N, C-alpha and C. Protein backbone atom coordinates (compact mmCIF):
# COMPACT_ATOMS: atom_id res chain seq x y z
N MET A 1 -25.95 6.62 -2.57
CA MET A 1 -25.23 5.56 -1.92
C MET A 1 -25.90 4.23 -2.19
N THR A 2 -25.07 3.23 -2.51
CA THR A 2 -25.64 1.91 -2.77
C THR A 2 -25.56 1.01 -1.56
N GLY A 3 -24.71 1.33 -0.60
CA GLY A 3 -24.57 0.51 0.58
C GLY A 3 -23.74 -0.73 0.35
N ALA A 4 -22.99 -0.79 -0.76
CA ALA A 4 -22.16 -1.95 -1.07
C ALA A 4 -21.00 -2.03 -0.08
N ILE A 5 -20.58 -3.25 0.19
CA ILE A 5 -19.46 -3.47 1.10
C ILE A 5 -18.15 -3.25 0.36
N ALA A 6 -17.24 -2.52 0.98
CA ALA A 6 -15.93 -2.26 0.38
C ALA A 6 -15.09 -3.53 0.42
N GLU A 7 -14.27 -3.72 -0.61
CA GLU A 7 -13.36 -4.86 -0.69
C GLU A 7 -11.95 -4.35 -0.37
N VAL A 8 -11.25 -5.03 0.54
CA VAL A 8 -9.91 -4.61 0.94
C VAL A 8 -8.91 -5.71 0.62
N SER A 9 -7.81 -5.34 -0.04
CA SER A 9 -6.70 -6.24 -0.33
C SER A 9 -5.45 -5.67 0.32
N THR A 10 -4.59 -6.54 0.84
CA THR A 10 -3.35 -6.05 1.45
C THR A 10 -2.14 -6.65 0.75
N PHE A 11 -1.06 -5.86 0.71
CA PHE A 11 0.19 -6.26 0.07
C PHE A 11 1.34 -5.80 0.95
N GLU A 12 2.23 -6.74 1.27
CA GLU A 12 3.42 -6.42 2.08
C GLU A 12 4.53 -5.97 1.14
N VAL A 13 5.12 -4.82 1.44
CA VAL A 13 6.26 -4.30 0.70
C VAL A 13 7.29 -3.87 1.74
N ALA A 14 8.33 -4.69 1.89
CA ALA A 14 9.36 -4.45 2.91
C ALA A 14 8.70 -4.31 4.28
N HIS A 15 8.80 -3.15 4.92
CA HIS A 15 8.27 -2.95 6.26
C HIS A 15 6.90 -2.27 6.26
N VAL A 16 6.30 -2.14 5.08
CA VAL A 16 5.04 -1.41 4.95
C VAL A 16 3.97 -2.32 4.37
N THR A 17 2.76 -2.21 4.88
CA THR A 17 1.61 -2.90 4.30
C THR A 17 0.79 -1.87 3.53
N PHE A 18 0.50 -2.17 2.27
CA PHE A 18 -0.41 -1.37 1.47
C PHE A 18 -1.78 -2.03 1.59
N ALA A 19 -2.76 -1.29 2.04
CA ALA A 19 -4.14 -1.77 2.10
C ALA A 19 -4.92 -1.01 1.04
N LEU A 20 -5.40 -1.74 0.05
CA LEU A 20 -6.15 -1.13 -1.05
C LEU A 20 -7.63 -1.40 -0.83
N ARG A 21 -8.42 -0.34 -0.87
CA ARG A 21 -9.86 -0.44 -0.59
C ARG A 21 -10.64 -0.04 -1.82
N ARG A 22 -11.44 -0.99 -2.33
CA ARG A 22 -12.30 -0.74 -3.49
C ARG A 22 -13.71 -0.49 -2.96
N SER A 23 -14.23 0.70 -3.23
CA SER A 23 -15.56 1.03 -2.74
C SER A 23 -16.33 1.80 -3.81
N PRO A 24 -17.45 1.25 -4.26
CA PRO A 24 -18.26 1.98 -5.23
C PRO A 24 -18.90 3.23 -4.63
N ASP A 25 -19.04 3.25 -3.31
CA ASP A 25 -19.67 4.40 -2.66
C ASP A 25 -18.68 5.54 -2.42
N ASP A 26 -17.49 5.21 -1.89
CA ASP A 26 -16.54 6.23 -1.47
C ASP A 26 -15.36 6.42 -2.42
N GLY A 27 -15.26 5.61 -3.45
CA GLY A 27 -14.12 5.66 -4.34
C GLY A 27 -13.01 4.74 -3.83
N ASN A 28 -12.02 4.51 -4.65
CA ASN A 28 -10.92 3.61 -4.30
C ASN A 28 -9.86 4.39 -3.53
N SER A 29 -9.32 3.75 -2.49
CA SER A 29 -8.33 4.43 -1.66
C SER A 29 -7.26 3.44 -1.22
N PHE A 30 -6.21 3.97 -0.63
CA PHE A 30 -5.14 3.13 -0.10
C PHE A 30 -4.72 3.66 1.26
N ALA A 31 -4.15 2.76 2.04
CA ALA A 31 -3.60 3.14 3.35
C ALA A 31 -2.24 2.47 3.47
N LEU A 32 -1.32 3.16 4.12
CA LEU A 32 0.00 2.60 4.42
C LEU A 32 0.04 2.31 5.90
N LEU A 33 0.44 1.08 6.25
CA LEU A 33 0.50 0.67 7.65
C LEU A 33 1.92 0.20 7.97
N ALA A 34 2.33 0.38 9.21
CA ALA A 34 3.64 -0.07 9.67
C ALA A 34 3.54 -1.56 9.95
N ALA A 35 3.91 -2.39 8.99
CA ALA A 35 3.71 -3.83 9.07
C ALA A 35 4.48 -4.47 10.21
N GLN A 36 5.61 -3.91 10.59
CA GLN A 36 6.44 -4.53 11.61
C GLN A 36 6.51 -3.72 12.90
N ALA A 37 5.51 -2.90 13.13
CA ALA A 37 5.46 -2.13 14.38
C ALA A 37 5.37 -3.11 15.56
N LEU A 38 5.93 -2.72 16.69
CA LEU A 38 5.95 -3.60 17.85
C LEU A 38 4.56 -3.83 18.43
N SER A 39 3.76 -2.80 18.50
CA SER A 39 2.43 -2.89 19.09
C SER A 39 1.39 -3.23 18.02
N PRO A 40 0.51 -4.20 18.29
CA PRO A 40 -0.55 -4.53 17.32
C PRO A 40 -1.40 -3.33 16.94
N LYS A 41 -1.68 -2.44 17.90
CA LYS A 41 -2.51 -1.27 17.57
C LYS A 41 -1.79 -0.35 16.59
N ASP A 42 -0.45 -0.29 16.67
CA ASP A 42 0.32 0.54 15.74
C ASP A 42 0.37 -0.09 14.35
N ARG A 43 0.26 -1.42 14.26
CA ARG A 43 0.22 -2.08 12.95
C ARG A 43 -1.12 -1.86 12.27
N ALA A 44 -2.17 -1.59 13.05
CA ALA A 44 -3.51 -1.39 12.49
C ALA A 44 -3.81 0.08 12.19
N ARG A 45 -3.08 0.99 12.81
CA ARG A 45 -3.33 2.42 12.62
C ARG A 45 -2.58 2.91 11.37
N PRO A 46 -3.29 3.44 10.38
CA PRO A 46 -2.63 3.88 9.15
C PRO A 46 -1.64 5.02 9.39
N LEU A 47 -0.51 4.96 8.68
CA LEU A 47 0.44 6.07 8.66
C LEU A 47 -0.05 7.14 7.69
N PHE A 48 -0.74 6.70 6.66
CA PHE A 48 -1.25 7.61 5.62
C PHE A 48 -2.43 6.95 4.94
N VAL A 49 -3.43 7.74 4.58
CA VAL A 49 -4.60 7.27 3.83
C VAL A 49 -4.87 8.28 2.72
N GLY A 50 -5.17 7.79 1.53
CA GLY A 50 -5.49 8.71 0.43
C GLY A 50 -6.27 7.99 -0.66
N HIS A 51 -6.89 8.78 -1.52
CA HIS A 51 -7.60 8.21 -2.67
C HIS A 51 -6.58 7.85 -3.74
N ILE A 52 -6.92 6.88 -4.56
CA ILE A 52 -6.04 6.44 -5.64
C ILE A 52 -6.29 7.33 -6.86
N PRO A 53 -5.31 8.20 -7.19
CA PRO A 53 -5.50 9.10 -8.33
C PRO A 53 -5.10 8.44 -9.65
N ARG A 54 -5.58 9.00 -10.73
CA ARG A 54 -5.17 8.55 -12.06
C ARG A 54 -3.65 8.73 -12.16
N GLY A 55 -2.97 7.73 -12.67
CA GLY A 55 -1.52 7.82 -12.86
C GLY A 55 -0.70 7.22 -11.71
N MET A 56 -1.36 6.82 -10.63
CA MET A 56 -0.62 6.27 -9.49
C MET A 56 0.12 4.99 -9.87
N ALA A 57 -0.50 4.12 -10.66
CA ALA A 57 0.15 2.87 -11.06
C ALA A 57 1.42 3.15 -11.85
N ALA A 58 1.37 4.11 -12.76
CA ALA A 58 2.57 4.46 -13.54
C ALA A 58 3.66 5.03 -12.63
N ASP A 59 3.27 5.83 -11.64
CA ASP A 59 4.25 6.38 -10.69
C ASP A 59 4.91 5.26 -9.89
N LEU A 60 4.13 4.27 -9.47
CA LEU A 60 4.68 3.16 -8.70
C LEU A 60 5.60 2.30 -9.57
N ARG A 61 5.26 2.12 -10.85
CA ARG A 61 6.15 1.38 -11.75
C ARG A 61 7.47 2.13 -11.93
N ALA A 62 7.41 3.45 -12.04
CA ALA A 62 8.63 4.25 -12.17
C ALA A 62 9.48 4.13 -10.91
N LEU A 63 8.84 4.13 -9.75
CA LEU A 63 9.56 3.94 -8.49
C LEU A 63 10.22 2.57 -8.46
N ALA A 64 9.51 1.54 -8.90
CA ALA A 64 10.08 0.19 -8.94
C ALA A 64 11.31 0.13 -9.84
N ASP A 65 11.28 0.86 -10.95
CA ASP A 65 12.43 0.91 -11.86
C ASP A 65 13.65 1.54 -11.19
N VAL A 66 13.43 2.47 -10.28
CA VAL A 66 14.54 3.10 -9.55
C VAL A 66 15.04 2.19 -8.43
N ILE A 67 14.12 1.50 -7.77
CA ILE A 67 14.49 0.63 -6.65
C ILE A 67 15.20 -0.64 -7.12
N GLU A 68 14.78 -1.20 -8.25
CA GLU A 68 15.30 -2.49 -8.69
C GLU A 68 16.83 -2.55 -8.74
N PRO A 69 17.52 -1.57 -9.32
CA PRO A 69 18.99 -1.65 -9.34
C PRO A 69 19.63 -1.49 -7.95
N LEU A 70 18.87 -1.00 -6.99
CA LEU A 70 19.39 -0.82 -5.63
C LEU A 70 19.28 -2.09 -4.79
N GLU A 71 18.49 -3.06 -5.25
CA GLU A 71 18.33 -4.30 -4.50
C GLU A 71 19.65 -5.06 -4.46
N PRO A 72 19.90 -5.77 -3.35
CA PRO A 72 21.13 -6.57 -3.27
C PRO A 72 21.16 -7.63 -4.38
N GLN A 73 22.33 -7.89 -4.88
CA GLN A 73 22.52 -8.94 -5.88
C GLN A 73 22.68 -10.27 -5.13
N ARG A 74 22.70 -11.36 -5.85
CA ARG A 74 22.89 -12.68 -5.23
C ARG A 74 24.14 -12.67 -4.38
N GLY A 75 24.02 -13.19 -3.18
CA GLY A 75 25.16 -13.26 -2.27
C GLY A 75 25.33 -12.01 -1.42
N GLU A 76 24.66 -10.91 -1.77
CA GLU A 76 24.69 -9.67 -0.97
C GLU A 76 23.48 -9.66 -0.04
N GLN A 77 23.57 -8.85 0.98
CA GLN A 77 22.42 -8.71 1.88
C GLN A 77 21.92 -7.31 1.93
């Protein structure tokens, strides 16, 4: 163990916050949080936590390719 401090970045995606944690000691991981939960404690409590596996970025890009045509067009909601 090096005792290095983990770096955390957050990204809002619709109603979910992705919290990405870079840690040389524990490995890189992510957490999904309910960004719009009514209670502040529920917004801070992860719905899911996991390590970032090889290939996750490609899987997320593939998901984005499926979601993109489903997004509303101009003038739609």
